Amino acid sequence: MNECLLISELEQTHIKKDIPDFRVGDTISVYTRIIEGEKERIQVFTGTVIARRGGGLSETVALYRVSYGAGMERVFMIHSPRISKIEITKSGKVRRGKLYYLRGVSGKAAKVKENIGPGKRNRNKAVSEEQPQEEPAT
């Protein structure tokens, strides 16, 4: 019991706080630190989120993209120290939890609709931006 408490406390120190709220169907850019000998550089991988699994420190995200006619899939550990930042490029509108079917389709069938405007996910942000809370006069 005491050992489990120590492990969870240790995991909490390594969990990143600056991860944006993204879901399956979104297009995101993951900035990865690449170390080659003495040099360090940042490589960007942009793709559609087809799966998100796990929880806590071991949470992973699978990204898929097609470049030069070949499909590429890459799995990232979200809380890894090699990930410098994650940016949301587009917000997708999907009705499934996993988009593994994108691996086998091409052209218009592989297109994910974009979530535009204040939808279910953006409703709270849109309301708070439009109507700022006023301080009561005393």
N, C-alpha and C. Protein backbone atom coordinates (compact mmCIF):
# COMPACT_ATOMS: atom_id res chain seq x y z
N MET A 1 0.83 -1.19 0.00
CA MET A 1 0.00 0.00 0.00
C MET A 1 0.88 1.26 0.00
N ASN A 2 1.87 1.27 0.85
CA ASN A 2 2.75 2.43 0.96
C ASN A 2 3.59 2.59 -0.30
N GLU A 3 4.00 1.47 -0.93
CA GLU A 3 4.79 1.55 -2.15
C GLU A 3 3.98 2.11 -3.30
N CYS A 4 2.70 1.76 -3.40
CA CYS A 4 1.83 2.30 -4.46
C CYS A 4 1.69 3.81 -4.32
N LEU A 5 1.60 4.28 -3.11
CA LEU A 5 1.49 5.71 -2.87
C LEU A 5 2.76 6.43 -3.34
N LEU A 6 3.90 5.85 -3.08
CA LEU A 6 5.16 6.47 -3.50
C LEU A 6 5.28 6.49 -5.02
N ILE A 7 4.85 5.43 -5.70
CA ILE A 7 4.94 5.38 -7.15
C ILE A 7 4.01 6.42 -7.77
N SER A 8 2.80 6.56 -7.26
CA SER A 8 1.87 7.55 -7.81
C SER A 8 2.38 8.97 -7.57
N GLU A 9 3.00 9.22 -6.42
CA GLU A 9 3.57 10.55 -6.17
C GLU A 9 4.72 10.83 -7.13
N LEU A 10 5.54 9.81 -7.40
CA LEU A 10 6.66 9.96 -8.33
C LEU A 10 6.15 10.23 -9.74
N GLU A 11 5.10 9.54 -10.15
CA GLU A 11 4.52 9.76 -11.47
C GLU A 11 3.98 11.18 -11.60
N GLN A 12 3.36 11.69 -10.56
CA GLN A 12 2.77 13.04 -10.61
C GLN A 12 3.84 14.11 -10.85
N THR A 13 5.07 13.87 -10.40
CA THR A 13 6.14 14.86 -10.61
C THR A 13 6.58 14.90 -12.07
N HIS A 14 6.39 13.80 -12.82
CA HIS A 14 6.83 13.74 -14.21
C HIS A 14 5.73 14.04 -15.22
N ILE A 15 4.48 14.15 -14.80
CA ILE A 15 3.38 14.43 -15.72
C ILE A 15 3.43 15.89 -16.14
N LYS A 16 3.33 16.12 -17.46
CA LYS A 16 3.37 17.49 -18.00
C LYS A 16 2.03 18.17 -17.81
N LYS A 17 2.08 19.45 -17.51
CA LYS A 17 0.86 20.23 -17.28
C LYS A 17 0.43 21.01 -18.51
N ASP A 18 1.33 21.19 -19.49
CA ASP A 18 1.06 22.05 -20.64
C ASP A 18 0.54 21.28 -21.86
N ILE A 19 -0.05 20.11 -21.67
CA ILE A 19 -0.60 19.34 -22.78
C ILE A 19 -1.96 19.91 -23.15
N PRO A 20 -2.18 20.29 -24.43
CA PRO A 20 -3.49 20.83 -24.81
C PRO A 20 -4.55 19.73 -24.82
N ASP A 21 -5.80 20.14 -24.78
CA ASP A 21 -6.93 19.21 -24.78
C ASP A 21 -7.25 18.83 -26.22
N PHE A 22 -6.74 17.69 -26.67
CA PHE A 22 -7.02 17.21 -28.02
C PHE A 22 -7.67 15.85 -27.95
N ARG A 23 -8.39 15.51 -29.02
CA ARG A 23 -9.14 14.25 -29.08
C ARG A 23 -8.83 13.53 -30.38
N VAL A 24 -9.41 12.35 -30.51
CA VAL A 24 -9.27 11.58 -31.74
C VAL A 24 -9.95 12.36 -32.87
N GLY A 25 -9.29 12.44 -34.01
CA GLY A 25 -9.80 13.18 -35.16
C GLY A 25 -9.12 14.52 -35.34
N ASP A 26 -8.49 15.05 -34.29
CA ASP A 26 -7.80 16.32 -34.40
C ASP A 26 -6.49 16.13 -35.16
N THR A 27 -6.03 17.19 -35.81
CA THR A 27 -4.71 17.19 -36.44
C THR A 27 -3.79 17.97 -35.53
N ILE A 28 -2.71 17.32 -35.09
CA ILE A 28 -1.80 17.96 -34.15
C ILE A 28 -0.37 17.89 -34.68
N SER A 29 0.47 18.79 -34.16
CA SER A 29 1.90 18.79 -34.46
C SER A 29 2.64 18.45 -33.18
N VAL A 30 3.49 17.44 -33.25
CA VAL A 30 4.28 17.02 -32.10
C VAL A 30 5.73 17.39 -32.37
N TYR A 31 6.31 18.21 -31.50
CA TYR A 31 7.69 18.65 -31.61
C TYR A 31 8.56 17.72 -30.76
N THR A 32 9.43 16.95 -31.43
CA THR A 32 10.24 15.93 -30.76
C THR A 32 11.70 16.35 -30.76
N ARG A 33 12.36 16.17 -29.63
CA ARG A 33 13.80 16.44 -29.55
C ARG A 33 14.55 15.23 -30.10
N ILE A 34 15.41 15.48 -31.07
CA ILE A 34 16.25 14.44 -31.66
C ILE A 34 17.69 14.74 -31.26
N ILE A 35 18.35 13.77 -30.65
CA ILE A 35 19.74 13.95 -30.22
C ILE A 35 20.62 13.07 -31.10
N GLU A 36 21.53 13.71 -31.83
CA GLU A 36 22.47 13.00 -32.70
C GLU A 36 23.88 13.36 -32.26
N GLY A 37 24.50 12.49 -31.50
CA GLY A 37 25.85 12.76 -30.99
C GLY A 37 25.81 13.92 -30.01
N GLU A 38 26.53 14.98 -30.33
CA GLU A 38 26.58 16.17 -29.47
C GLU A 38 25.47 17.16 -29.80
N LYS A 39 24.86 17.01 -30.98
CA LYS A 39 23.88 18.00 -31.44
C LYS A 39 22.47 17.58 -31.06
N GLU A 40 21.63 18.59 -30.84
CA GLU A 40 20.22 18.37 -30.54
C GLU A 40 19.40 19.26 -31.46
N ARG A 41 18.35 18.68 -32.05
CA ARG A 41 17.46 19.45 -32.91
C ARG A 41 16.03 19.05 -32.63
N ILE A 42 15.09 19.82 -33.18
CA ILE A 42 13.67 19.54 -32.97
C ILE A 42 13.07 19.15 -34.31
N GLN A 43 12.34 18.01 -34.32
CA GLN A 43 11.69 17.53 -35.53
C GLN A 43 10.18 17.55 -35.29
N VAL A 44 9.44 18.04 -36.28
CA VAL A 44 7.99 18.18 -36.15
C VAL A 44 7.32 17.05 -36.93
N PHE A 45 6.35 16.39 -36.31
CA PHE A 45 5.53 15.38 -36.97
C PHE A 45 4.09 15.84 -36.86
N THR A 46 3.46 16.11 -38.00
CA THR A 46 2.07 16.55 -38.03
C THR A 46 1.22 15.44 -38.61
N GLY A 47 0.15 15.09 -37.90
CA GLY A 47 -0.73 14.03 -38.38
C GLY A 47 -2.06 14.05 -37.66
N THR A 48 -2.96 13.18 -38.11
CA THR A 48 -4.28 13.05 -37.53
C THR A 48 -4.23 12.05 -36.38
N VAL A 49 -4.84 12.39 -35.26
CA VAL A 49 -4.87 11.49 -34.11
C VAL A 49 -5.86 10.37 -34.44
N ILE A 50 -5.34 9.12 -34.51
CA ILE A 50 -6.23 7.99 -34.80
C ILE A 50 -6.51 7.18 -33.54
N ALA A 51 -5.70 7.34 -32.50
CA ALA A 51 -5.93 6.60 -31.25
C ALA A 51 -5.25 7.33 -30.11
N ARG A 52 -5.89 7.24 -28.97
CA ARG A 52 -5.32 7.76 -27.73
C ARG A 52 -5.61 6.73 -26.66
N ARG A 53 -4.57 6.24 -25.99
CA ARG A 53 -4.79 5.18 -25.02
C ARG A 53 -3.88 5.35 -23.82
N GLY A 54 -4.25 4.63 -22.76
CA GLY A 54 -3.47 4.69 -21.53
C GLY A 54 -3.91 5.84 -20.66
N GLY A 55 -3.24 6.00 -19.56
CA GLY A 55 -3.55 7.08 -18.65
C GLY A 55 -2.34 7.38 -17.78
N GLY A 56 -2.33 8.57 -17.25
CA GLY A 56 -1.22 8.95 -16.40
C GLY A 56 0.06 9.11 -17.18
N LEU A 57 1.13 8.61 -16.62
CA LEU A 57 2.45 8.78 -17.22
C LEU A 57 2.63 7.95 -18.49
N SER A 58 1.90 6.86 -18.62
CA SER A 58 2.08 5.97 -19.77
C SER A 58 1.06 6.22 -20.88
N GLU A 59 0.49 7.41 -20.95
CA GLU A 59 -0.49 7.73 -21.98
C GLU A 59 0.20 7.91 -23.33
N THR A 60 -0.38 7.29 -24.37
CA THR A 60 0.19 7.39 -25.71
C THR A 60 -0.84 7.91 -26.69
N VAL A 61 -0.34 8.43 -27.80
CA VAL A 61 -1.19 8.92 -28.88
C VAL A 61 -0.60 8.42 -30.19
N ALA A 62 -1.46 7.92 -31.09
CA ALA A 62 -1.03 7.43 -32.39
C ALA A 62 -1.44 8.44 -33.45
N LEU A 63 -0.48 8.89 -34.25
CA LEU A 63 -0.73 9.85 -35.32
C LEU A 63 -0.54 9.17 -36.66
N TYR A 64 -1.35 9.58 -37.64
CA TYR A 64 -1.29 9.00 -38.98
C TYR A 64 -1.27 10.13 -40.00
N ARG A 65 -0.41 9.97 -41.00
CA ARG A 65 -0.39 10.92 -42.11
C ARG A 65 0.10 10.22 -43.36
N VAL A 66 -0.23 10.78 -44.50
CA VAL A 66 0.23 10.25 -45.78
C VAL A 66 1.19 11.26 -46.37
N SER A 67 2.42 10.82 -46.66
CA SER A 67 3.39 11.71 -47.31
C SER A 67 4.07 10.94 -48.43
N TYR A 68 4.14 11.58 -49.59
CA TYR A 68 4.73 11.00 -50.80
C TYR A 68 4.06 9.67 -51.16
N GLY A 69 2.76 9.58 -50.94
CA GLY A 69 2.00 8.41 -51.32
C GLY A 69 2.08 7.23 -50.37
N ALA A 70 2.82 7.36 -49.29
CA ALA A 70 2.95 6.26 -48.33
C ALA A 70 2.37 6.70 -46.99
N GLY A 71 1.59 5.82 -46.37
CA GLY A 71 1.02 6.13 -45.07
C GLY A 71 2.04 5.90 -43.96
N MET A 72 2.10 6.84 -43.03
CA MET A 72 3.03 6.74 -41.91
C MET A 72 2.23 6.81 -40.61
N GLU A 73 2.54 5.93 -39.71
CA GLU A 73 1.90 5.96 -38.40
C GLU A 73 2.98 6.00 -37.34
N ARG A 74 2.80 6.85 -36.36
CA ARG A 74 3.80 6.98 -35.31
C ARG A 74 3.09 7.10 -33.97
N VAL A 75 3.63 6.43 -32.96
CA VAL A 75 3.06 6.45 -31.62
C VAL A 75 3.98 7.25 -30.72
N PHE A 76 3.43 8.22 -29.99
CA PHE A 76 4.20 9.07 -29.09
C PHE A 76 3.73 8.87 -27.66
N MET A 77 4.68 8.88 -26.73
CA MET A 77 4.35 8.92 -25.31
C MET A 77 4.19 10.41 -24.97
N ILE A 78 3.01 10.79 -24.54
CA ILE A 78 2.68 12.20 -24.37
C ILE A 78 3.58 12.88 -23.33
N HIS A 79 3.85 12.20 -22.23
CA HIS A 79 4.59 12.81 -21.13
C HIS A 79 6.09 12.54 -21.18
N SER A 80 6.59 12.10 -22.33
CA SER A 80 8.00 11.81 -22.49
C SER A 80 8.81 13.11 -22.45
N PRO A 81 10.01 13.08 -21.88
CA PRO A 81 10.85 14.28 -21.89
C PRO A 81 11.35 14.62 -23.30
N ARG A 82 11.26 13.69 -24.24
CA ARG A 82 11.67 13.96 -25.63
C ARG A 82 10.67 14.84 -26.36
N ILE A 83 9.43 14.91 -25.89
CA ILE A 83 8.41 15.75 -26.52
C ILE A 83 8.55 17.16 -25.94
N SER A 84 8.89 18.12 -26.81
CA SER A 84 9.06 19.49 -26.31
C SER A 84 7.73 20.23 -26.26
N LYS A 85 6.86 20.05 -27.28
CA LYS A 85 5.54 20.66 -27.20
C LYS A 85 4.59 20.01 -28.19
N ILE A 86 3.29 20.21 -27.95
CA ILE A 86 2.24 19.69 -28.81
C ILE A 86 1.32 20.85 -29.16
N GLU A 87 1.02 21.01 -30.45
CA GLU A 87 0.12 22.07 -30.91
C GLU A 87 -1.05 21.46 -31.67
N ILE A 88 -2.23 22.01 -31.47
CA ILE A 88 -3.41 21.57 -32.22
C ILE A 88 -3.50 22.41 -33.49
N THR A 89 -3.47 21.74 -34.65
CA THR A 89 -3.57 22.43 -35.93
C THR A 89 -5.02 22.59 -36.35
N LYS A 90 -5.77 21.48 -36.33
CA LYS A 90 -7.19 21.49 -36.68
C LYS A 90 -7.95 20.64 -35.70
N SER A 91 -9.19 21.02 -35.45
CA SER A 91 -10.06 20.25 -34.58
C SER A 91 -10.99 19.43 -35.46
N GLY A 92 -10.96 18.11 -35.31
CA GLY A 92 -11.75 17.23 -36.16
C GLY A 92 -13.08 16.86 -35.55
N LYS A 93 -14.03 16.55 -36.41
CA LYS A 93 -15.37 16.15 -35.96
C LYS A 93 -15.58 14.70 -36.38
N VAL A 94 -15.49 13.78 -35.42
CA VAL A 94 -15.63 12.35 -35.71
C VAL A 94 -16.63 11.73 -34.74
N ARG A 95 -17.10 10.53 -35.10
CA ARG A 95 -18.09 9.84 -34.27
C ARG A 95 -17.55 8.51 -33.74
N ARG A 96 -16.25 8.32 -33.77
CA ARG A 96 -15.66 7.07 -33.31
C ARG A 96 -14.54 7.36 -32.32
N GLY A 97 -14.22 6.35 -31.54
CA GLY A 97 -13.16 6.48 -30.54
C GLY A 97 -11.79 6.20 -31.10
N LYS A 98 -11.73 5.36 -32.13
CA LYS A 98 -10.47 5.03 -32.79
C LYS A 98 -10.70 5.12 -34.30
N LEU A 99 -9.73 5.66 -35.01
CA LEU A 99 -9.88 5.86 -36.45
C LEU A 99 -8.93 4.97 -37.24
N TYR A 100 -8.86 3.70 -36.88
CA TYR A 100 -7.96 2.78 -37.56
C TYR A 100 -8.34 2.58 -39.02
N TYR A 101 -9.58 2.88 -39.40
CA TYR A 101 -10.00 2.70 -40.79
C TYR A 101 -9.27 3.65 -41.72
N LEU A 102 -8.66 4.71 -41.22
CA LEU A 102 -7.94 5.65 -42.07
C LEU A 102 -6.69 5.03 -42.69
N ARG A 103 -6.20 3.94 -42.10
CA ARG A 103 -5.01 3.28 -42.64
C ARG A 103 -5.25 2.75 -44.06
N GLY A 104 -6.46 2.28 -44.33
CA GLY A 104 -6.71 1.61 -45.60
C GLY A 104 -7.41 2.44 -46.65
N VAL A 105 -7.77 3.67 -46.35
CA VAL A 105 -8.51 4.48 -47.30
C VAL A 105 -7.64 5.62 -47.81
N SER A 106 -8.00 6.15 -48.98
CA SER A 106 -7.24 7.26 -49.53
C SER A 106 -8.21 8.23 -50.19
N GLY A 107 -7.73 9.40 -50.51
CA GLY A 107 -8.55 10.39 -51.19
C GLY A 107 -9.58 11.02 -50.27
N LYS A 108 -10.78 11.22 -50.80
CA LYS A 108 -11.82 11.91 -50.06
C LYS A 108 -12.34 11.07 -48.90
N ALA A 109 -12.25 9.74 -48.99
CA ALA A 109 -12.71 8.86 -47.92
C ALA A 109 -11.86 9.01 -46.66
N ALA A 110 -10.63 9.48 -46.82
CA ALA A 110 -9.72 9.63 -45.68
C ALA A 110 -9.83 11.01 -45.04
N LYS A 111 -10.72 11.83 -45.54
CA LYS A 111 -10.85 13.20 -45.01
C LYS A 111 -11.67 13.20 -43.73
N VAL A 112 -11.21 13.96 -42.74
CA VAL A 112 -11.92 14.12 -41.48
C VAL A 112 -12.53 15.52 -41.49
N LYS A 113 -13.82 15.62 -41.20
CA LYS A 113 -14.48 16.92 -41.17
C LYS A 113 -13.89 17.79 -40.08
N GLU A 114 -13.83 19.09 -40.36
CA GLU A 114 -13.29 20.02 -39.38
C GLU A 114 -14.40 20.56 -38.51
N ASN A 115 -14.13 20.67 -37.22
CA ASN A 115 -15.09 21.20 -36.27
C ASN A 115 -14.95 22.71 -36.25
N ILE A 116 -15.92 23.42 -36.84
CA ILE A 116 -15.85 24.87 -36.96
C ILE A 116 -16.92 25.50 -36.08
N GLY A 117 -16.57 26.58 -35.43
CA GLY A 117 -17.53 27.30 -34.61
C GLY A 117 -17.67 26.72 -33.22
N PRO A 118 -18.53 27.36 -32.42
CA PRO A 118 -18.71 26.87 -31.05
C PRO A 118 -19.55 25.61 -31.03
N GLY A 119 -18.92 24.49 -30.92
CA GLY A 119 -19.61 23.20 -30.82
C GLY A 119 -19.66 22.75 -29.38
N LYS A 120 -19.84 21.46 -29.18
CA LYS A 120 -19.89 20.93 -27.82
C LYS A 120 -18.60 21.18 -27.07
N ARG A 121 -17.48 21.05 -27.79
CA ARG A 121 -16.19 21.18 -27.14
C ARG A 121 -15.82 22.63 -26.88
N ASN A 122 -16.18 23.54 -27.80
CA ASN A 122 -15.75 24.93 -27.71
C ASN A 122 -16.79 25.86 -27.12
N ARG A 123 -17.93 25.32 -26.70
CA ARG A 123 -19.02 26.17 -26.24
C ARG A 123 -18.63 27.01 -25.02
N ASN A 124 -17.97 26.41 -24.04
CA ASN A 124 -17.62 27.15 -22.83
C ASN A 124 -16.60 28.24 -23.12
N LYS A 125 -15.65 27.97 -24.02
CA LYS A 125 -14.66 28.98 -24.37
C LYS A 125 -15.32 30.14 -25.10
N ALA A 126 -16.23 29.84 -26.02
CA ALA A 126 -16.88 30.89 -26.82
C ALA A 126 -17.74 31.78 -25.93
N VAL A 127 -18.45 31.21 -24.98
CA VAL A 127 -19.30 32.00 -24.10
C VAL A 127 -18.46 32.89 -23.21
N SER A 128 -17.36 32.37 -22.68
CA SER A 128 -16.54 33.18 -21.78
C SER A 128 -15.83 34.30 -22.53
N GLU A 129 -15.52 34.10 -23.84
CA GLU A 129 -14.89 35.17 -24.60
C GLU A 129 -15.88 36.26 -24.98
N GLU A 130 -17.12 35.88 -25.28
CA GLU A 130 -18.11 36.85 -25.73
C GLU A 130 -18.63 37.71 -24.59
N GLN A 131 -18.89 37.11 -23.43
CA GLN A 131 -19.48 37.84 -22.33
C GLN A 131 -18.55 37.87 -21.13
N PRO A 132 -17.71 38.91 -21.05
CA PRO A 132 -16.82 38.99 -19.88
C PRO A 132 -17.64 39.28 -18.61
N GLN A 133 -17.24 38.66 -17.55
CA GLN A 133 -17.93 38.85 -16.26
C GLN A 133 -17.60 40.24 -15.71
N GLU A 134 -18.63 40.99 -15.33
CA GLU A 134 -18.43 42.34 -14.80
C GLU A 134 -18.41 42.30 -13.28
N GLU A 135 -17.62 43.17 -12.72
CA GLU A 135 -17.52 43.28 -11.27
C GLU A 135 -18.71 44.09 -10.76
N PRO A 136 -19.35 43.65 -9.69
CA PRO A 136 -20.47 44.43 -9.13
C PRO A 136 -19.96 45.75 -8.54
N ALA A 137 -20.69 46.83 -8.80
CA ALA A 137 -20.29 48.14 -8.29
C ALA A 137 -20.62 48.23 -6.79
N THR A 138 -19.66 48.72 -6.03
CA THR A 138 -19.89 48.85 -4.57
C THR A 138 -19.89 50.28 -4.15
